[in-house]
């Protein structure tokens, strides 16, 4: 019986990810989200850890994000900026830019959470009011917008996307926010160079945190593929037996592709951080038995998924029996075995994770942190017959904070302070926790069967099963067939084959499928639909074979149906 005085282990895992926004034909970035999240979220998250050295947790970096962060850092080093919006920040005379560049600024620089990132700043709100006034009079009236207006808008957009820690400590940002308007080219260049410095410091800061032992760095297969579906489309029917599948019976060579993504991630981790990652957060927490076999073959020690996957797996293992209470089955690791090898599986507390992701942004930061601690204490008091209870809280390390006042600064600061002072709750990492199990000879529950699924609804419905998503899979399958045929022949040089392989890997990302569907806004769907089809077109170009006309037409248009949209989902439907 676990006593009330025993400690509760808490593993926080912050998942850092952005898909590949690079156009492989032009080298330009199609969307700016990597560098914007870099100067806001990846910077702030490192700051909070540096200010709270007794906090231990896991940071999961997807390698394709690290690739792009390094690319941006190199752009600043060599003075060649390939992100159109970032490049415009440094243009000397904005009265002389092209109409397309004007449209890019106007269509991009109000894309944020207006409640937390626009309305708190009167000068930025004033720019929005002017824009709305002219827009009501017709598109032609927007031609009256001057270069000075565009300069002020660019500066305020980037200031709004700057991390709270930077605003509090950087004199340049303080001065620009105080100035408020009429920003000159010199002002914009100060901000431009600060952005470069922030981006260039991100990977070194996290590497230092890992080397100190404060954080564990984990990884995801390189380009964030929905691995179980690459291996076998029918895995979607594990959790949704009636799911509609693509007409293609299987993604060609999917298992080999998943192994490629995983090995590439391990190599990336080793090169950047000097060691192999002990654990893997599969893209979208999506797991299946064949995927766990691959993780075991590649020597990984732990992986994690969603609470719904565990519940479905336990029902599968004990058919006809009701599930015990969450406290009895959730807060422990499970061992999945294949042959003589095994891997530890941890499962996300969906309720606590979703409180951070969706609810606490509406609270005062201190109150939210206190509530989180109270929930942990309640879990600790109610757990019995568990010699090593562990709570896994796993969510995006970037997307939630846009909804929080001050980018979640007060919530995270107060939460980390409360955790540091609490003697009953111990923050740790999956690697450290796993080592303690071995040292203390704690028997780990074996998971006899695994139901394939993800952290979203415990299923794959976000990525497959409706017309638009299935059409995207059909287009990808067709491109993969072409890829396989070309790779077998002499058409391409080794260098050309490598370039085509990278482009294919980008096409295999789960992110494109996430956005297809009528529950997402037309604007977001249009951006990701175009990026996916452009990636496919580039793949055909690299393979030197004609692209089918089907990729010229939009796959999905979004809509207004009731449901969750955006970059985050609740775990339960």
Protein backbone atom coordinates (compact mmCIF):
# COMPACT_ATOMS: atom_id res chain seq x y z
CA UNK A 1 0.00 0.00 0.00
CA UNK A 2 1.43 3.38 -1.03
CA UNK A 3 1.45 5.75 1.94
CA UNK A 4 0.45 9.39 1.82
CA UNK A 5 4.03 10.39 2.62
CA UNK A 6 5.58 8.67 -0.42
CA UNK A 7 6.84 10.82 -3.28
CA UNK A 8 5.09 11.15 -6.60
CA UNK A 9 7.31 11.40 -9.68
CA UNK A 10 6.27 13.92 -12.32
CA UNK A 11 7.64 13.88 -15.86
CA UNK A 12 6.87 16.97 -17.92
CA UNK A 13 7.63 16.51 -21.61
CA UNK A 14 7.60 19.61 -23.80
CA UNK A 15 7.30 18.61 -27.46
CA UNK A 16 9.01 21.09 -29.82
CA UNK A 17 7.93 20.70 -33.42
CA UNK A 18 7.28 22.53 -36.66
CA UNK A 19 6.92 20.80 -40.04
CA UNK A 20 9.31 21.42 -42.91
CA UNK A 21 8.35 24.78 -44.40
CA UNK A 22 11.19 24.91 -46.94
CA UNK A 23 10.42 24.95 -50.65
CA UNK A 24 13.00 22.50 -51.99
CA UNK A 25 12.89 24.11 -55.43
CA UNK A 26 13.53 27.73 -54.45
CA UNK A 27 15.10 27.33 -51.03
CA UNK A 28 12.58 29.87 -49.70
CA UNK A 29 10.43 29.34 -46.62
CA UNK A 30 6.73 29.03 -47.40
CA UNK A 31 5.59 29.96 -43.85
CA UNK A 32 7.41 31.77 -40.99
CA UNK A 33 6.36 29.67 -38.00
CA UNK A 34 9.78 28.20 -37.22
CA UNK A 35 11.52 31.50 -36.58
CA UNK A 36 8.48 33.05 -34.89
CA UNK A 37 8.16 30.22 -32.39
CA UNK A 38 11.94 30.33 -31.96
CA UNK A 39 12.03 33.91 -30.74
CA UNK A 40 8.95 33.44 -28.57
CA UNK A 41 8.45 29.93 -27.24
CA UNK A 42 11.73 28.05 -27.57
CA UNK A 43 13.48 31.09 -26.10
CA UNK A 44 11.05 31.51 -23.20
CA UNK A 45 11.02 27.79 -22.36
CA UNK A 46 14.81 27.74 -22.10
CA UNK A 47 14.70 30.87 -19.92
CA UNK A 48 12.34 29.30 -17.40
CA UNK A 49 14.55 26.23 -17.08
CA UNK A 50 17.66 28.36 -16.63
CA UNK A 51 15.91 30.32 -13.87
CA UNK A 52 14.77 27.12 -12.11
CA UNK A 53 17.78 24.79 -12.10
CA UNK A 54 16.14 22.27 -9.77
CA UNK A 55 13.39 21.49 -12.25
CA UNK A 56 14.01 18.32 -14.25
CA UNK A 57 12.00 17.43 -17.33
CA UNK A 58 12.13 16.15 -20.91
CA UNK A 59 12.37 18.33 -24.01
CA UNK A 60 11.54 16.54 -27.25
CA UNK A 61 12.99 18.12 -30.38
CA UNK A 62 11.83 16.86 -33.76
CA UNK A 63 14.93 16.78 -36.00
CA UNK A 64 13.25 18.60 -38.90
CA UNK A 65 12.70 21.54 -36.55
CA UNK A 66 16.37 21.50 -35.58
CA UNK A 67 17.30 21.36 -39.27
CA UNK A 68 15.34 24.54 -39.88
CA UNK A 69 16.64 26.31 -36.77
CA UNK A 70 20.19 25.62 -37.95
CA UNK A 71 19.24 26.82 -41.42
CA UNK A 72 17.93 30.13 -40.04
CA UNK A 73 21.06 30.51 -37.92
CA UNK A 74 23.20 30.00 -41.05
CA UNK A 75 21.10 32.54 -42.96
CA UNK A 76 21.96 35.20 -40.39
CA UNK A 77 25.61 34.15 -40.35
CA UNK A 78 25.94 34.47 -44.13
CA UNK A 79 23.57 37.40 -44.58
CA UNK A 80 21.26 35.61 -47.04
CA UNK A 81 17.68 35.49 -45.74
CA UNK A 82 15.39 33.02 -47.48
CA UNK A 83 12.26 33.73 -45.46
CA UNK A 84 10.24 36.37 -47.33
CA UNK A 85 8.61 37.94 -44.26
CA UNK A 86 11.83 38.07 -42.26
CA UNK A 87 13.66 39.50 -45.25
CA UNK A 88 11.11 42.31 -45.55
CA UNK A 89 11.82 43.38 -41.97
CA UNK A 90 15.30 44.43 -43.17
CA UNK A 91 14.35 46.09 -46.49
CA UNK A 92 15.57 49.74 -46.41
CA UNK A 93 12.69 51.34 -48.34
CA UNK A 94 9.32 49.67 -47.96
CA UNK A 95 7.70 52.19 -50.34
CA UNK A 96 9.53 50.46 -53.18
CA UNK A 97 8.55 46.83 -52.56
CA UNK A 98 6.39 44.86 -55.00
CA UNK A 99 2.59 44.52 -54.72
CA UNK A 100 3.06 40.84 -53.83
CA UNK A 101 5.37 41.80 -50.97
CA UNK A 102 2.86 44.37 -49.72
CA UNK A 103 0.16 41.69 -49.76
CA UNK A 104 2.43 39.30 -47.85
CA UNK A 105 2.97 41.83 -45.06
CA UNK A 106 -0.71 42.70 -44.80
CA UNK A 107 -1.87 39.08 -44.90
CA UNK A 108 0.75 37.86 -42.40
CA UNK A 109 1.26 40.52 -39.78
CA UNK A 110 -2.06 40.17 -38.00
CA UNK A 111 -1.81 36.37 -37.68
CA UNK A 112 -1.70 35.83 -33.93
CA UNK A 113 -4.00 35.61 -30.94
CA UNK A 114 -5.42 39.12 -30.88
CA UNK A 115 -6.54 38.92 -27.26
CA UNK A 116 -3.04 38.26 -25.96
CA UNK A 117 -0.72 39.50 -28.72
CA UNK A 118 -2.42 42.51 -30.35
CA UNK A 119 -5.02 44.23 -28.17
CA UNK A 120 -2.65 44.71 -25.19
CA UNK A 121 -0.56 47.08 -27.38
CA UNK A 122 -2.44 50.27 -28.37
CA UNK A 123 -0.02 51.13 -31.19
CA UNK A 124 -0.45 47.70 -32.75
CA UNK A 125 -4.23 47.84 -32.29
CA UNK A 126 -4.23 51.24 -34.01
CA UNK A 127 -2.56 49.69 -37.05
CA UNK A 128 -5.25 47.02 -37.11
CA UNK A 129 -8.02 49.61 -36.86
CA UNK A 130 -6.57 51.54 -39.81
CA UNK A 131 -6.37 48.35 -41.85
CA UNK A 132 -9.97 47.40 -41.04
CA UNK A 133 -11.17 50.89 -41.98
CA UNK A 134 -9.49 50.81 -45.39
CA UNK A 135 -10.56 47.24 -46.02
CA UNK A 136 -14.21 48.14 -45.51
CA UNK A 137 -13.84 50.68 -48.29
CA UNK A 138 -12.51 48.06 -50.72
CA UNK A 139 -9.23 46.35 -51.60
CA UNK A 140 -8.09 49.26 -53.77
CA UNK A 141 -8.00 51.53 -50.74
CA UNK A 142 -5.18 49.41 -49.29
CA UNK A 143 -2.90 51.01 -51.91
CA UNK A 144 -2.93 54.12 -49.72
CA UNK A 145 -0.97 52.23 -47.08
CA UNK A 146 2.50 53.77 -46.90
CA UNK A 147 5.92 52.28 -46.38
CA UNK A 148 5.94 53.77 -42.89
CA UNK A 149 2.74 51.92 -42.03
CA UNK A 150 4.29 48.67 -43.33
CA UNK A 151 7.44 49.33 -41.30
CA UNK A 152 5.47 49.88 -38.10
CA UNK A 153 3.36 46.79 -38.80
CA UNK A 154 6.40 44.57 -39.38
CA UNK A 155 8.02 45.79 -36.18
CA UNK A 156 4.92 45.30 -34.06
CA UNK A 157 4.25 41.85 -35.46
CA UNK A 158 7.72 40.72 -34.54
CA UNK A 159 7.59 42.44 -31.17
CA UNK A 160 4.33 40.60 -30.43
CA UNK A 161 6.05 37.32 -31.31
CA UNK A 162 9.03 38.06 -29.06
CA UNK A 163 9.28 36.00 -25.88
CA UNK A 164 8.27 37.57 -22.59
CA UNK A 165 11.70 36.84 -21.15
CA UNK A 166 13.27 38.88 -23.95
CA UNK A 167 10.87 41.78 -23.41
CA UNK A 168 11.83 41.91 -19.76
CA UNK A 169 15.58 41.77 -20.27
CA UNK A 170 16.48 43.19 -23.68
CA UNK A 171 16.93 46.95 -23.89
CA UNK A 172 16.29 47.02 -27.65
CA UNK A 173 12.83 45.50 -27.26
CA UNK A 174 11.97 47.73 -24.32
CA UNK A 175 12.93 50.84 -26.29
CA UNK A 176 11.05 49.81 -29.42
CA UNK A 177 7.88 49.04 -27.47
CA UNK A 178 8.15 52.38 -25.69
CA UNK A 179 8.69 54.22 -28.99
CA UNK A 180 5.52 52.65 -30.38
CA UNK A 181 5.55 54.03 -33.95
CA UNK A 182 7.49 55.71 -36.76
CA UNK A 183 10.16 53.02 -36.76
CA UNK A 184 13.11 53.76 -39.03
CA UNK A 185 15.28 51.30 -40.90
CA UNK A 186 17.82 51.42 -38.08
CA UNK A 187 15.12 50.42 -35.58
CA UNK A 188 14.11 47.51 -37.77
CA UNK A 189 17.70 46.35 -38.14
CA UNK A 190 18.18 46.32 -34.36
CA UNK A 191 15.20 44.00 -34.10
CA UNK A 192 16.37 41.95 -37.08
CA UNK A 193 19.80 41.30 -35.54
CA UNK A 194 18.22 40.44 -32.18
CA UNK A 195 16.08 37.82 -33.92
CA UNK A 196 19.21 36.32 -35.43
CA UNK A 197 20.98 36.18 -32.08
CA UNK A 198 17.99 34.54 -30.37
CA UNK A 199 17.73 31.85 -33.05
CA UNK A 200 21.45 31.13 -33.07
CA UNK A 201 21.43 30.60 -29.29
CA UNK A 202 18.52 28.15 -29.08
CA UNK A 203 20.26 24.82 -29.77
CA UNK A 204 23.34 25.74 -27.65
CA UNK A 205 21.08 26.71 -24.71
CA UNK A 206 19.23 23.38 -24.72
CA UNK A 207 22.46 21.46 -25.26
CA UNK A 208 23.89 23.16 -22.16
CA UNK A 209 20.77 22.29 -20.14
CA UNK A 210 21.11 18.66 -21.21
CA UNK A 211 24.82 18.53 -20.44
CA UNK A 212 24.12 19.84 -16.93
CA UNK A 213 21.73 16.92 -16.40
CA UNK A 214 18.75 19.20 -15.83
CA UNK A 215 16.83 18.02 -18.88
CA UNK A 216 16.64 14.89 -20.96
CA UNK A 217 16.48 15.45 -24.70
CA UNK A 218 14.38 12.95 -26.63
CA UNK A 219 13.53 12.70 -30.31
CA UNK A 220 10.87 11.86 -32.91
CA UNK A 221 11.36 10.10 -36.27
CA UNK A 222 13.03 12.77 -38.38
CA UNK A 223 10.29 14.38 -40.46
CA UNK A 224 7.43 13.61 -38.04
CA UNK A 225 5.67 10.85 -40.01
CA UNK A 226 2.50 9.20 -38.73
CA UNK A 227 4.52 5.99 -38.46
CA UNK A 228 1.80 3.36 -37.79
CA UNK A 229 -0.07 4.48 -40.92
CA UNK A 230 3.08 4.40 -43.04
CA UNK A 231 3.54 0.81 -41.89
CA UNK A 232 -0.08 -0.29 -42.28
CA UNK A 233 -3.20 1.72 -43.11
CA UNK A 234 -5.38 -0.92 -41.45
CA UNK A 235 -3.89 -0.02 -38.07
CA UNK A 236 -6.46 2.81 -38.10
CA UNK A 237 -9.15 0.17 -37.58
CA UNK A 238 -7.66 -1.00 -34.29
CA UNK A 239 -9.47 1.86 -32.55
CA UNK A 240 -12.06 2.67 -35.23
CA UNK A 241 -13.15 -0.62 -36.89
CA UNK A 242 -15.37 1.17 -39.42
CA UNK A 243 -12.75 3.71 -40.52
CA UNK A 244 -12.77 4.46 -44.23
CA UNK A 245 -9.29 3.80 -45.68
CA UNK A 246 -7.55 4.92 -48.88
CA UNK A 247 -8.03 2.67 -51.89
CA UNK A 248 -4.29 1.96 -51.92
CA UNK A 249 -3.89 -1.18 -49.79
CA UNK A 250 -0.65 0.01 -48.19
CA UNK A 251 1.93 2.78 -48.33
CA UNK A 252 4.72 1.27 -50.46
CA UNK A 253 7.75 0.28 -48.38
CA UNK A 254 6.33 1.98 -45.31
CA UNK A 255 8.18 -0.04 -42.70
CA UNK A 256 11.51 0.72 -44.35
CA UNK A 257 10.61 4.42 -44.47
CA UNK A 258 9.79 4.49 -40.75
CA UNK A 259 13.12 2.83 -39.98
CA UNK A 260 14.83 5.49 -42.12
CA UNK A 261 13.12 8.35 -40.25
CA UNK A 262 14.05 6.83 -36.89
CA UNK A 263 17.69 6.14 -37.73
CA UNK A 264 18.01 9.61 -39.23
CA UNK A 265 16.65 11.08 -35.98
CA UNK A 266 19.14 9.09 -33.91
CA UNK A 267 22.00 10.26 -36.14
CA UNK A 268 20.77 13.85 -35.90
CA UNK A 269 20.60 13.66 -32.11
CA UNK A 270 24.08 12.18 -31.87
CA UNK A 271 25.55 14.86 -34.12
CA UNK A 272 23.89 17.78 -32.37
CA UNK A 273 23.95 16.68 -28.74
CA UNK A 274 26.81 14.19 -28.57
CA UNK A 275 24.78 11.18 -27.44
CA UNK A 276 22.00 8.84 -28.51
CA UNK A 277 18.45 9.63 -27.35
CA UNK A 278 17.20 7.12 -24.80
CA UNK A 279 13.59 7.72 -25.70
CA UNK A 280 11.19 8.62 -28.47
CA UNK A 281 7.95 10.55 -28.54
CA UNK A 282 6.53 9.17 -31.80
CA UNK A 283 4.87 11.78 -34.00
CA UNK A 284 1.46 12.54 -32.44
CA UNK A 285 2.14 9.88 -29.79
CA UNK A 286 1.01 7.46 -32.52
CA UNK A 287 2.00 3.87 -31.78
CA UNK A 288 1.36 0.35 -32.99
CA UNK A 289 2.97 -2.99 -32.26
CA UNK A 290 5.03 -2.94 -35.50
CA UNK A 291 6.32 0.55 -34.63
CA UNK A 292 7.37 -0.55 -31.14
CA UNK A 293 9.20 -3.47 -32.76
CA UNK A 294 11.17 -0.95 -34.83
CA UNK A 295 11.95 1.17 -31.76
CA UNK A 296 13.23 -1.93 -29.97
CA UNK A 297 15.32 -2.97 -32.98
CA UNK A 298 16.98 0.46 -32.88
CA UNK A 299 17.78 0.18 -29.18
CA UNK A 300 15.44 2.80 -27.75
CA UNK A 301 14.67 2.40 -24.05
CA UNK A 302 11.35 4.21 -23.71
CA UNK A 303 8.52 5.73 -25.70
CA UNK A 304 5.31 7.51 -24.78
CA UNK A 305 1.77 7.80 -26.07
CA UNK A 306 -1.69 8.94 -25.03
CA UNK A 307 -3.95 7.81 -22.22
CA UNK A 308 -6.61 6.70 -24.69
CA UNK A 309 -4.16 4.27 -26.30
CA UNK A 310 -3.50 2.65 -22.92
CA UNK A 311 -7.21 2.38 -22.11
CA UNK A 312 -7.94 0.77 -25.48
CA UNK A 313 -5.00 -1.60 -25.04
CA UNK A 314 -6.15 -2.72 -21.60
CA UNK A 315 -9.65 -3.37 -22.94
CA UNK A 316 -8.09 -5.41 -25.72
CA UNK A 317 -5.99 -7.38 -23.23
CA UNK A 318 -8.94 -8.05 -20.91
CA UNK A 319 -12.04 -8.26 -23.12
CA UNK A 320 -15.33 -8.06 -21.33
CA UNK A 321 -13.79 -6.65 -18.16
CA UNK A 322 -14.40 -3.06 -17.06
CA UNK A 323 -11.42 -0.78 -16.75
CA UNK A 324 -10.22 -0.10 -13.22
CA UNK A 325 -10.03 3.52 -12.08
CA UNK A 326 -7.46 5.74 -13.78
CA UNK A 327 -5.40 5.89 -10.59
CA UNK A 328 -5.01 2.12 -10.69
CA UNK A 329 -3.66 1.80 -14.23
CA UNK A 330 -2.46 5.16 -15.59
CA UNK A 331 0.37 6.25 -13.32
CA UNK A 332 2.86 3.49 -14.06
CA UNK A 333 5.06 2.41 -16.95
CA UNK A 334 4.31 -0.70 -19.01
CA UNK A 335 6.76 -3.06 -20.62
CA UNK A 336 6.15 -4.08 -24.22
CA UNK A 337 8.13 -7.17 -25.22
CA UNK A 338 9.17 -8.61 -28.54
CA UNK A 339 11.38 -11.69 -28.47
CA UNK A 340 13.99 -11.23 -25.78
CA UNK A 341 13.88 -7.42 -25.93
CA UNK A 342 11.49 -4.83 -24.58
CA UNK A 343 10.73 -1.12 -24.29
CA UNK A 344 9.13 0.90 -21.49
CA UNK A 345 5.91 2.69 -22.46
CA UNK A 346 4.62 5.75 -20.60
CA UNK A 347 1.16 7.21 -21.04
CA UNK A 348 0.11 10.83 -20.93
CA UNK A 349 -2.31 12.09 -18.27
CA UNK A 350 -4.74 13.61 -20.73
CA UNK A 351 -6.64 15.63 -18.14
CA UNK A 352 -3.60 17.39 -16.67
CA UNK A 353 -2.00 17.88 -20.08
CA UNK A 354 -5.17 19.39 -21.51
CA UNK A 355 -5.54 21.70 -18.51
CA UNK A 356 -2.22 23.27 -19.49
CA UNK A 357 -2.99 23.15 -23.18
CA UNK A 358 -6.47 24.64 -23.10
CA UNK A 359 -7.83 25.71 -19.70
CA UNK A 360 -5.16 27.37 -17.56
CA UNK A 361 -4.69 30.15 -20.14
CA UNK A 362 -8.04 31.52 -18.86
CA UNK A 363 -6.85 31.59 -15.22
CA UNK A 364 -4.53 33.83 -13.27
CA UNK A 365 -1.10 32.22 -13.56
CA UNK A 366 -0.62 31.66 -9.82
CA UNK A 367 -4.10 30.18 -9.43
CA UNK A 368 -3.51 27.83 -12.36
CA UNK A 369 -0.20 26.66 -10.92
CA UNK A 370 -1.81 26.05 -7.51
CA UNK A 371 -4.61 24.07 -9.12
CA UNK A 372 -2.11 21.91 -10.99
CA UNK A 373 -0.26 21.19 -7.74
CA UNK A 374 -3.50 20.35 -5.95
CA UNK A 375 -4.38 17.86 -8.68
CA UNK A 376 -0.98 16.22 -8.32
CA UNK A 377 -1.43 15.99 -4.55
CA UNK A 378 -4.84 14.39 -5.04
CA UNK A 379 -3.31 11.80 -7.38
CA UNK A 380 -0.55 11.09 -4.85
CA UNK A 381 -3.06 10.59 -2.05
CA UNK A 382 -5.32 8.29 -4.06
CA UNK A 383 -2.72 5.94 -5.55
CA UNK A 384 -2.38 2.54 -3.87
CA UNK A 385 -0.37 -0.61 -4.57
CA UNK A 386 2.01 1.24 -6.89
CA UNK A 387 5.63 1.21 -5.68
CA UNK A 388 6.80 3.88 -8.15
CA UNK A 389 3.91 6.16 -9.24
CA UNK A 390 4.71 8.50 -12.12
CA UNK A 391 2.54 11.16 -13.77
CA UNK A 392 3.34 11.93 -17.41
CA UNK A 393 2.28 15.37 -18.63
CA UNK A 394 3.03 15.73 -22.33
CA UNK A 395 2.09 18.54 -24.72
CA UNK A 396 3.37 20.99 -27.28
CA UNK A 397 6.08 23.27 -25.98
CA UNK A 398 5.04 26.12 -28.26
CA UNK A 399 1.40 26.23 -29.33
CA UNK A 400 -0.33 26.64 -25.96
CA UNK A 401 1.40 29.83 -24.86
CA UNK A 402 -0.07 32.09 -27.53
CA UNK A 403 -3.37 31.89 -25.63
CA UNK A 404 -1.79 32.79 -22.28
CA UNK A 405 -1.27 36.38 -21.11
CA UNK A 406 2.45 37.19 -21.22
CA UNK A 407 3.15 33.96 -23.13
CA UNK A 408 2.48 31.89 -20.01
CA UNK A 409 5.31 33.61 -18.12
CA UNK A 410 3.59 33.78 -14.74
CA UNK A 411 2.06 30.32 -14.94
CA UNK A 412 5.35 28.61 -15.79
CA UNK A 413 7.37 30.65 -13.32
CA UNK A 414 4.95 29.96 -10.46
CA UNK A 415 4.54 26.30 -11.40
CA UNK A 416 8.28 25.68 -11.46
CA UNK A 417 8.72 27.51 -8.15
CA UNK A 418 5.99 25.45 -6.49
CA UNK A 419 7.46 22.21 -7.83
CA UNK A 420 10.93 23.15 -6.59
CA UNK A 421 9.58 23.77 -3.08
CA UNK A 422 7.31 20.73 -2.85
CA UNK A 423 8.88 17.82 -0.98
CA UNK A 424 6.20 15.29 -1.99
CA UNK A 425 6.38 15.73 -5.75
CA UNK A 426 9.64 15.11 -7.56
CA UNK A 427 10.25 16.29 -11.11
CA UNK A 428 12.29 13.83 -13.13
CA UNK A 429 12.91 12.51 -16.64
CA UNK A 430 11.85 9.26 -18.26
CA UNK A 431 15.47 8.11 -18.49
CA UNK A 432 16.17 8.90 -14.83
CA UNK A 433 12.89 7.34 -13.68
CA UNK A 434 13.59 4.18 -15.72
CA UNK A 435 17.06 3.86 -14.21
CA UNK A 436 15.50 4.06 -10.73
CA UNK A 437 13.19 1.17 -11.55
CA UNK A 438 16.19 -1.02 -12.34
CA UNK A 439 18.16 0.09 -9.32
CA UNK A 440 15.25 -0.56 -6.97
CA UNK A 441 14.22 -3.76 -8.76
CA UNK A 442 10.67 -2.53 -9.26
CA UNK A 443 8.57 -5.00 -11.22
CA UNK A 444 7.07 -3.34 -14.30
CA UNK A 445 3.65 -4.40 -15.56
CA UNK A 446 3.81 -6.17 -18.91
CA UNK A 447 1.49 -4.90 -21.65
CA UNK A 448 0.26 -8.06 -23.39
CA UNK A 449 -1.36 -6.27 -26.34
CA UNK A 450 -1.26 -2.80 -27.84
CA UNK A 451 -4.14 -1.12 -29.64
CA UNK A 452 -2.79 1.20 -32.31
CA UNK A 453 -3.70 4.84 -31.77
CA UNK A 454 -2.49 8.37 -31.02
CA UNK A 455 -2.74 10.91 -28.23
CA UNK A 456 -5.72 12.53 -30.04
CA UNK A 457 -8.91 10.61 -29.23
CA UNK A 458 -6.81 7.42 -28.95
CA UNK A 459 -7.28 6.95 -32.70
CA UNK A 460 -5.89 8.07 -36.07
CA UNK A 461 -9.04 9.93 -37.14
CA UNK A 462 -7.17 13.25 -37.32
CA UNK A 463 -4.95 11.89 -40.12
CA UNK A 464 -6.98 9.33 -42.06
CA UNK A 465 -10.57 8.26 -42.63
CA UNK A 466 -12.35 11.08 -44.44
CA UNK A 467 -12.37 11.97 -48.14
CA UNK A 468 -9.78 14.75 -48.04
CA UNK A 469 -7.28 12.96 -45.83
CA UNK A 470 -7.59 9.75 -47.83
CA UNK A 471 -7.11 11.65 -51.09
CA UNK A 472 -3.88 13.08 -49.72
CA UNK A 473 -2.69 9.55 -48.89
CA UNK A 474 -3.57 8.44 -52.43
CA UNK A 475 -1.47 11.25 -53.90
CA UNK A 476 1.42 10.38 -51.60
CA UNK A 477 1.19 6.67 -52.45
CA UNK A 478 1.28 7.46 -56.17
CA UNK A 479 4.35 9.65 -55.68
CA UNK A 480 6.05 6.91 -53.66
CA UNK A 481 5.45 4.39 -56.46
CA UNK A 482 7.16 6.78 -58.87
CA UNK A 483 9.98 7.31 -56.40
CA UNK A 484 10.58 3.57 -56.03
CA UNK A 485 10.71 3.04 -59.80
CA UNK A 486 13.19 5.87 -60.34
CA UNK A 487 15.40 4.81 -57.45
CA UNK A 488 15.80 1.38 -59.05
CA UNK A 489 17.08 2.80 -62.35
CA UNK A 490 20.02 4.90 -63.58
CA UNK A 491 18.05 8.11 -64.16
CA UNK A 492 19.47 9.99 -61.13
CA UNK A 493 22.94 10.55 -59.75
CA UNK A 494 23.63 9.67 -56.11
CA UNK A 495 23.36 13.35 -55.20
CA UNK A 496 20.03 13.64 -57.00
CA UNK A 497 18.74 10.53 -55.25
CA UNK A 498 19.66 12.03 -51.87
CA UNK A 499 17.78 15.24 -52.71
CA UNK A 500 14.72 13.28 -53.81
CA UNK A 501 14.86 11.22 -50.60
CA UNK A 502 14.81 14.35 -48.45
CA UNK A 503 11.88 15.74 -50.40
CA UNK A 504 9.96 12.47 -50.02
CA UNK A 505 10.61 12.51 -46.27
CA UNK A 506 9.10 15.99 -46.04
CA UNK A 507 6.02 14.79 -47.95
CA UNK A 508 5.59 12.00 -45.39
CA UNK A 509 5.06 14.38 -42.45
CA UNK A 510 1.89 13.90 -40.43
CA UNK A 511 1.27 17.64 -40.39
CA UNK A 512 -0.18 17.87 -43.86
CA UNK A 513 -2.90 15.33 -43.02
CA UNK A 514 -3.67 17.09 -39.72
CA UNK A 515 -4.90 20.17 -41.56
CA UNK A 516 -7.10 18.50 -44.19
CA UNK A 517 -10.78 18.46 -43.24
CA UNK A 518 -13.75 20.80 -42.90
CA UNK A 519 -13.18 21.42 -39.18
CA UNK A 520 -10.17 23.65 -39.92
CA UNK A 521 -10.35 27.26 -41.13
CA UNK A 522 -10.09 27.80 -44.89
CA UNK A 523 -7.05 30.08 -44.46
CA UNK A 524 -5.05 27.47 -42.54
CA UNK A 525 -6.12 24.63 -44.81
CA UNK A 526 -5.17 26.63 -47.90
CA UNK A 527 -1.64 27.26 -46.60
CA UNK A 528 -0.91 23.65 -45.68
CA UNK A 529 -2.73 22.23 -48.71
CA UNK A 530 -0.58 24.34 -51.01
CA UNK A 531 2.60 23.42 -49.14
CA UNK A 532 1.83 19.69 -49.38
CA UNK A 533 1.06 19.83 -53.10
CA UNK A 534 4.14 21.96 -53.74
CA UNK A 535 6.23 19.35 -51.95
CA UNK A 536 4.75 16.63 -54.15
CA UNK A 537 5.41 18.69 -57.28
CA UNK A 538 9.01 19.21 -56.21
CA UNK A 539 9.39 15.48 -55.64
CA UNK A 540 8.23 14.72 -59.18
CA UNK A 541 10.59 17.40 -60.47
CA UNK A 542 13.53 15.86 -58.61
CA UNK A 543 12.58 12.42 -59.92
CA UNK A 544 12.48 13.88 -63.47
CA UNK A 545 9.05 12.42 -64.18
CA UNK A 546 5.79 14.25 -65.02
CA UNK A 547 3.59 15.24 -62.11
CA UNK A 548 -0.05 14.15 -62.30
CA UNK A 549 -2.54 16.93 -62.95
CA UNK A 550 -4.38 15.89 -59.77
CA UNK A 551 -1.84 17.73 -57.61
CA UNK A 552 -2.79 21.01 -59.26
CA UNK A 553 -6.21 20.98 -57.60
CA UNK A 554 -6.73 21.72 -53.87
CA UNK A 555 -7.18 18.62 -51.74
CA UNK A 556 -9.17 20.32 -49.00
CA UNK A 557 -10.75 23.72 -48.55
CA UNK A 558 -11.60 23.74 -44.85
CA UNK A 559 -14.97 24.85 -43.60
CA UNK A 560 -17.06 26.07 -40.73
CA UNK A 561 -18.36 22.83 -39.23
CA UNK A 562 -18.42 22.60 -35.46
CA UNK A 563 -15.31 20.96 -34.06
CA UNK A 564 -11.78 21.61 -32.92
CA UNK A 565 -9.44 23.42 -35.27
CA UNK A 566 -5.95 24.80 -35.19
CA UNK A 567 -2.57 23.43 -34.16
CA UNK A 568 -3.83 21.72 -30.99
CA UNK A 569 -6.55 19.21 -30.07
CA UNK A 570 -8.08 17.96 -26.85
CA UNK A 571 -7.01 14.37 -26.22
CA UNK A 572 -10.58 13.10 -25.79
CA UNK A 573 -13.43 13.69 -28.20
